[in-house]
Amino acid sequence: FPVTIKICPGQERFWCSVLSVDRDNRTIVASVANRLIHYDLPVGTELEIGYDNVYDILKPEDMNL
């Protein structure tokens, strides 16, 4: 399972699956992981977000599978 992050780029917090991390620029490329209410972004939409928009991190070891 990939690392999942909760982000908030404005009105709504939502989960995204991390695809890549650019530590030099402090950005993350991730895909939307759940349906949204306030944004017209379908599940799977790729976004580039800054570290400062990350509110929570769910790592595979945190999931009781």
Protein backbone atom coordinates (compact mmCIF):
# COMPACT_ATOMS: atom_id res chain seq x y z
CA PHE A 1 0.00 0.00 0.00
CA PRO A 2 1.26 3.49 -0.76
CA VAL A 3 1.60 6.25 1.79
CA THR A 4 -1.62 8.26 2.01
CA ILE A 5 -1.75 11.90 3.09
CA LYS A 6 -4.60 14.18 4.10
CA ILE A 7 -4.26 17.57 2.46
CA CYS A 8 -6.10 20.87 2.64
CA PRO A 9 -5.44 23.23 -0.27
CA GLY A 10 -8.38 25.45 0.69
CA GLN A 11 -11.98 24.62 1.62
CA GLU A 12 -11.81 20.85 2.03
CA ARG A 13 -9.48 18.27 3.57
CA PHE A 14 -9.14 15.05 1.61
CA TRP A 15 -6.95 11.97 1.21
CA CYS A 16 -4.39 11.48 -1.56
CA SER A 17 -2.04 8.62 -2.45
CA VAL A 18 1.58 9.78 -2.68
CA LEU A 19 3.19 9.15 -6.08
CA SER A 20 6.49 11.02 -5.62
CA VAL A 21 8.24 13.46 -3.30
CA ASP A 22 10.59 16.29 -4.32
CA ARG A 23 12.50 17.05 -1.13
CA ASP A 24 14.49 19.90 -2.72
CA ASN A 25 11.34 21.83 -3.69
CA ARG A 26 9.29 20.54 -0.71
CA THR A 27 6.50 19.31 -2.98
CA ILE A 28 4.56 16.08 -3.33
CA VAL A 29 2.81 14.64 -6.38
CA ALA A 30 -0.23 12.67 -5.24
CA SER A 31 -3.53 11.40 -6.63
CA VAL A 32 -6.93 12.15 -5.11
CA ALA A 33 -8.08 9.07 -3.17
CA ASN A 34 -11.70 9.91 -2.27
CA ARG A 35 -14.72 11.75 -3.69
CA LEU A 36 -14.79 15.46 -2.93
CA ILE A 37 -17.63 17.84 -2.09
CA HIS A 38 -16.14 21.31 -2.71
CA TYR A 39 -13.77 20.59 -5.61
CA ASP A 40 -14.43 19.13 -9.04
CA LEU A 41 -11.50 16.70 -8.86
CA PRO A 42 -12.31 13.08 -9.69
CA VAL A 43 -10.62 10.23 -7.82
CA GLY A 44 -7.23 9.62 -9.44
CA THR A 45 -6.58 13.27 -10.35
CA GLU A 46 -2.88 14.04 -9.88
CA LEU A 47 -1.94 17.13 -7.87
CA GLU A 48 1.33 18.80 -6.94
CA ILE A 49 1.12 20.11 -3.40
CA GLY A 50 3.47 21.77 -0.96
CA TYR A 51 4.51 20.24 2.34
CA ASP A 52 2.57 22.99 4.14
CA ASN A 53 -0.73 21.58 2.79
CA VAL A 54 -0.22 18.17 4.47
CA TYR A 55 -2.34 17.69 7.62
CA ASP A 56 -1.96 13.97 8.30
CA ILE A 57 0.06 10.96 7.09
CA LEU A 58 -1.23 7.40 6.99
CA LYS A 59 1.59 4.91 6.49
CA PRO A 60 1.04 1.24 5.61
CA GLU A 61 2.18 0.15 9.10
CA ASP A 62 -0.54 2.38 10.60
CA MET A 63 -3.23 0.34 8.85
CA ASN A 64 -4.36 -2.76 10.74
CA LEU A 65 -4.57 -5.11 7.76
